[in-house]
Amino acid sequence: MADNDAHRILKGPSRFDLMIALFEGKSVDFTITNLSGYPEKVPARITSIGVKDRSKKTWLIEGDFTFRFSVLYFKGHFNSQGRQGWIRLIQP
């Protein structure tokens, strides 16, 4: 994958909102860096969450979002305490 497929999460949901998004299928907003490096808010659908470490504040996430009429899929790492992390675009 090219480096431009990785995007920093500058601001994300709370741990509670992240879990509600998974269990109820609701979207949550992530502010990520776009290809130009500027912040952009995207509503994402979370399809999978895994525990990264024992702190229960760092998560492995998977999901998708619609951007300019295309559905983009991602995997990433998210810290619900600092509400930051990264995502990498993937092929479905």
N, C-alpha and C. Protein backbone atom coordinates (compact mmCIF):
# COMPACT_ATOMS: atom_id res chain seq x y z
N MET A 1 0.83 -1.19 0.00
CA MET A 1 0.00 0.00 0.00
C MET A 1 0.87 1.24 0.00
N ALA A 2 0.39 2.24 -0.65
CA ALA A 2 1.12 3.50 -0.70
C ALA A 2 0.96 4.26 0.61
N ASP A 3 1.93 5.12 0.91
CA ASP A 3 1.88 5.89 2.15
C ASP A 3 0.66 6.80 2.22
N ASN A 4 0.13 7.22 1.06
CA ASN A 4 -1.02 8.12 1.09
C ASN A 4 -2.31 7.40 1.47
N ASP A 5 -2.25 6.08 1.71
CA ASP A 5 -3.41 5.34 2.18
C ASP A 5 -3.55 5.40 3.70
N ALA A 6 -2.54 5.93 4.39
CA ALA A 6 -2.58 6.05 5.84
C ALA A 6 -2.97 7.47 6.22
N HIS A 7 -3.90 7.58 7.17
CA HIS A 7 -4.41 8.89 7.59
C HIS A 7 -4.46 8.95 9.11
N ARG A 8 -3.99 10.05 9.67
CA ARG A 8 -4.06 10.25 11.12
C ARG A 8 -5.48 10.58 11.53
N ILE A 9 -5.91 10.02 12.64
CA ILE A 9 -7.17 10.41 13.26
C ILE A 9 -6.82 11.53 14.24
N LEU A 10 -7.33 12.71 13.98
CA LEU A 10 -7.06 13.86 14.82
C LEU A 10 -8.06 13.99 15.95
N LYS A 11 -9.28 13.53 15.69
CA LYS A 11 -10.35 13.59 16.68
C LYS A 11 -11.36 12.50 16.36
N GLY A 12 -11.73 11.74 17.37
CA GLY A 12 -12.68 10.66 17.15
C GLY A 12 -13.69 10.58 18.26
N PRO A 13 -14.51 9.52 18.25
CA PRO A 13 -15.59 9.39 19.22
C PRO A 13 -15.09 8.92 20.58
N SER A 14 -15.96 9.02 21.57
CA SER A 14 -15.68 8.46 22.89
C SER A 14 -15.75 6.94 22.80
N ARG A 15 -15.26 6.26 23.83
CA ARG A 15 -15.32 4.80 23.86
C ARG A 15 -16.77 4.33 23.81
N PHE A 16 -17.64 5.01 24.54
CA PHE A 16 -19.07 4.65 24.55
C PHE A 16 -19.67 4.79 23.15
N ASP A 17 -19.42 5.93 22.48
CA ASP A 17 -19.96 6.15 21.14
C ASP A 17 -19.39 5.15 20.14
N LEU A 18 -18.14 4.76 20.31
CA LEU A 18 -17.52 3.76 19.44
C LEU A 18 -18.23 2.42 19.57
N MET A 19 -18.54 2.02 20.79
CA MET A 19 -19.23 0.75 21.02
C MET A 19 -20.68 0.80 20.52
N ILE A 20 -21.36 1.92 20.75
CA ILE A 20 -22.73 2.07 20.24
C ILE A 20 -22.73 1.98 18.71
N ALA A 21 -21.73 2.59 18.08
CA ALA A 21 -21.62 2.53 16.62
C ALA A 21 -21.51 1.09 16.15
N LEU A 22 -20.75 0.28 16.86
CA LEU A 22 -20.59 -1.12 16.48
C LEU A 22 -21.88 -1.90 16.72
N PHE A 23 -22.45 -1.78 17.91
CA PHE A 23 -23.59 -2.61 18.27
C PHE A 23 -24.90 -2.18 17.62
N GLU A 24 -25.08 -0.89 17.37
CA GLU A 24 -26.33 -0.41 16.81
C GLU A 24 -26.22 0.02 15.35
N GLY A 25 -25.03 -0.07 14.78
CA GLY A 25 -24.85 0.25 13.37
C GLY A 25 -24.91 1.73 13.05
N LYS A 26 -24.74 2.57 14.06
CA LYS A 26 -24.77 4.02 13.83
C LYS A 26 -23.39 4.49 13.37
N SER A 27 -23.35 5.60 12.65
CA SER A 27 -22.06 6.12 12.23
C SER A 27 -21.51 7.07 13.30
N VAL A 28 -20.19 7.18 13.32
CA VAL A 28 -19.50 8.10 14.22
C VAL A 28 -18.57 8.96 13.39
N ASP A 29 -18.31 10.16 13.87
CA ASP A 29 -17.45 11.09 13.13
C ASP A 29 -15.99 10.95 13.55
N PHE A 30 -15.14 10.87 12.54
CA PHE A 30 -13.70 10.94 12.74
C PHE A 30 -13.19 12.14 11.96
N THR A 31 -12.33 12.93 12.56
CA THR A 31 -11.63 13.98 11.83
C THR A 31 -10.26 13.41 11.50
N ILE A 32 -10.01 13.25 10.19
CA ILE A 32 -8.76 12.64 9.73
C ILE A 32 -8.00 13.62 8.84
N THR A 33 -6.74 13.32 8.60
CA THR A 33 -5.98 14.11 7.63
C THR A 33 -6.33 13.60 6.24
N ASN A 34 -6.63 14.52 5.33
CA ASN A 34 -6.91 14.10 3.96
C ASN A 34 -5.60 13.98 3.18
N LEU A 35 -5.68 13.70 1.90
CA LEU A 35 -4.47 13.51 1.09
C LEU A 35 -3.59 14.75 1.05
N SER A 36 -4.18 15.91 1.23
CA SER A 36 -3.41 17.16 1.24
C SER A 36 -2.85 17.48 2.62
N GLY A 37 -3.20 16.67 3.63
CA GLY A 37 -2.72 16.90 4.98
C GLY A 37 -3.62 17.78 5.82
N TYR A 38 -4.77 18.17 5.28
CA TYR A 38 -5.70 19.03 6.01
C TYR A 38 -6.75 18.19 6.73
N PRO A 39 -7.29 18.68 7.86
CA PRO A 39 -8.32 17.94 8.59
C PRO A 39 -9.62 17.87 7.80
N GLU A 40 -10.26 16.72 7.86
CA GLU A 40 -11.55 16.54 7.21
C GLU A 40 -12.39 15.59 8.05
N LYS A 41 -13.64 15.97 8.32
CA LYS A 41 -14.54 15.15 9.12
C LYS A 41 -15.25 14.15 8.22
N VAL A 42 -15.21 12.87 8.60
CA VAL A 42 -15.89 11.83 7.84
C VAL A 42 -16.75 10.99 8.79
N PRO A 43 -18.02 10.75 8.43
CA PRO A 43 -18.84 9.84 9.21
C PRO A 43 -18.50 8.40 8.81
N ALA A 44 -18.11 7.60 9.78
CA ALA A 44 -17.68 6.23 9.50
C ALA A 44 -18.60 5.22 10.16
N ARG A 45 -18.72 4.08 9.52
CA ARG A 45 -19.45 2.95 10.07
C ARG A 45 -18.41 1.95 10.58
N ILE A 46 -18.53 1.55 11.85
CA ILE A 46 -17.59 0.63 12.46
C ILE A 46 -18.12 -0.79 12.31
N THR A 47 -17.30 -1.69 11.76
CA THR A 47 -17.74 -3.08 11.54
C THR A 47 -17.02 -4.07 12.45
N SER A 48 -15.91 -3.65 13.06
CA SER A 48 -15.16 -4.55 13.94
C SER A 48 -14.31 -3.73 14.92
N ILE A 49 -14.26 -4.21 16.16
CA ILE A 49 -13.40 -3.59 17.18
C ILE A 49 -12.68 -4.72 17.92
N GLY A 50 -11.39 -4.55 18.12
CA GLY A 50 -10.60 -5.51 18.88
C GLY A 50 -9.79 -4.78 19.93
N VAL A 51 -9.45 -5.48 20.99
CA VAL A 51 -8.65 -4.89 22.06
C VAL A 51 -7.18 -4.94 21.66
N LYS A 52 -6.51 -3.78 21.69
CA LYS A 52 -5.08 -3.74 21.34
C LYS A 52 -4.20 -4.06 22.54
N ASP A 53 -4.57 -3.57 23.72
CA ASP A 53 -3.78 -3.85 24.92
C ASP A 53 -4.70 -3.92 26.14
N ARG A 54 -4.12 -4.16 27.29
CA ARG A 54 -4.91 -4.36 28.51
C ARG A 54 -5.49 -3.08 29.10
N SER A 55 -5.11 -1.94 28.58
CA SER A 55 -5.61 -0.68 29.13
C SER A 55 -7.09 -0.49 28.83
N LYS A 56 -7.61 -1.18 27.83
CA LYS A 56 -8.99 -1.04 27.35
C LYS A 56 -9.29 0.39 26.93
N LYS A 57 -8.24 1.05 26.44
CA LYS A 57 -8.39 2.40 25.89
C LYS A 57 -7.86 2.46 24.46
N THR A 58 -7.17 1.40 24.04
CA THR A 58 -6.59 1.36 22.70
C THR A 58 -7.23 0.22 21.93
N TRP A 59 -7.74 0.54 20.74
CA TRP A 59 -8.58 -0.40 19.98
C TRP A 59 -8.06 -0.58 18.57
N LEU A 60 -8.27 -1.76 18.04
CA LEU A 60 -8.09 -2.03 16.62
C LEU A 60 -9.47 -1.91 16.00
N ILE A 61 -9.60 -1.06 15.00
CA ILE A 61 -10.92 -0.80 14.42
C ILE A 61 -10.92 -1.12 12.93
N GLU A 62 -12.09 -1.47 12.43
CA GLU A 62 -12.31 -1.67 11.00
C GLU A 62 -13.66 -1.06 10.67
N GLY A 63 -13.79 -0.58 9.45
CA GLY A 63 -15.06 -0.02 9.04
C GLY A 63 -15.01 0.55 7.64
N ASP A 64 -15.97 1.41 7.36
CA ASP A 64 -16.03 2.04 6.04
C ASP A 64 -16.65 3.42 6.16
N PHE A 65 -16.41 4.24 5.15
CA PHE A 65 -17.07 5.54 5.04
C PHE A 65 -17.22 5.89 3.58
N THR A 66 -18.17 6.77 3.30
CA THR A 66 -18.41 7.21 1.93
C THR A 66 -17.72 8.54 1.72
N PHE A 67 -16.93 8.61 0.66
CA PHE A 67 -16.21 9.82 0.32
C PHE A 67 -16.34 10.06 -1.17
N ARG A 68 -16.97 11.18 -1.52
CA ARG A 68 -17.18 11.54 -2.93
C ARG A 68 -17.79 10.39 -3.73
N PHE A 69 -18.87 9.85 -3.22
CA PHE A 69 -19.67 8.81 -3.86
C PHE A 69 -18.99 7.45 -3.95
N SER A 70 -17.87 7.26 -3.24
CA SER A 70 -17.20 5.97 -3.20
C SER A 70 -17.16 5.47 -1.76
N VAL A 71 -17.36 4.18 -1.58
CA VAL A 71 -17.24 3.58 -0.26
C VAL A 71 -15.79 3.15 -0.09
N LEU A 72 -15.14 3.65 0.97
CA LEU A 72 -13.76 3.33 1.27
C LEU A 72 -13.71 2.51 2.55
N TYR A 73 -12.91 1.46 2.55
CA TYR A 73 -12.78 0.57 3.70
C TYR A 73 -11.46 0.85 4.41
N PHE A 74 -11.47 0.67 5.73
CA PHE A 74 -10.26 0.97 6.48
C PHE A 74 -10.05 0.01 7.64
N LYS A 75 -8.79 -0.07 8.09
CA LYS A 75 -8.39 -0.71 9.34
C LYS A 75 -7.57 0.32 10.07
N GLY A 76 -7.55 0.24 11.38
CA GLY A 76 -6.76 1.23 12.10
C GLY A 76 -6.59 0.94 13.57
N HIS A 77 -6.03 1.93 14.22
CA HIS A 77 -5.68 1.90 15.63
C HIS A 77 -6.26 3.18 16.23
N PHE A 78 -7.00 3.06 17.35
CA PHE A 78 -7.65 4.23 17.92
C PHE A 78 -7.55 4.20 19.44
N ASN A 79 -7.11 5.31 20.03
CA ASN A 79 -7.04 5.45 21.48
C ASN A 79 -8.24 6.28 21.91
N SER A 80 -9.16 5.66 22.66
CA SER A 80 -10.40 6.35 23.04
C SER A 80 -10.18 7.36 24.16
N GLN A 81 -9.05 7.31 24.85
CA GLN A 81 -8.78 8.30 25.89
C GLN A 81 -8.33 9.62 25.23
N GLY A 82 -7.37 9.55 24.34
CA GLY A 82 -6.89 10.75 23.64
C GLY A 82 -7.68 11.05 22.38
N ARG A 83 -8.53 10.07 21.97
CA ARG A 83 -9.37 10.18 20.78
C ARG A 83 -8.56 10.44 19.51
N GLN A 84 -7.40 9.80 19.44
CA GLN A 84 -6.54 9.92 18.26
C GLN A 84 -6.06 8.54 17.84
N GLY A 85 -5.50 8.48 16.64
CA GLY A 85 -4.99 7.21 16.13
C GLY A 85 -4.66 7.35 14.66
N TRP A 86 -4.89 6.27 13.91
CA TRP A 86 -4.66 6.29 12.47
C TRP A 86 -5.56 5.27 11.81
N ILE A 87 -5.79 5.47 10.53
CA ILE A 87 -6.47 4.46 9.71
C ILE A 87 -5.68 4.28 8.44
N ARG A 88 -5.80 3.08 7.87
CA ARG A 88 -5.18 2.77 6.59
C ARG A 88 -6.28 2.24 5.66
N LEU A 89 -6.39 2.82 4.50
CA LEU A 89 -7.38 2.37 3.54
C LEU A 89 -6.98 0.99 3.02
N ILE A 90 -7.98 0.12 2.85
CA ILE A 90 -7.73 -1.25 2.40
C ILE A 90 -8.67 -1.60 1.26
N GLN A 91 -8.35 -2.66 0.56
CA GLN A 91 -9.25 -3.21 -0.45
C GLN A 91 -10.21 -4.17 0.25
N PRO A 92 -11.51 -4.13 -0.10
CA PRO A 92 -12.48 -5.01 0.57
C PRO A 92 -12.24 -6.48 0.23
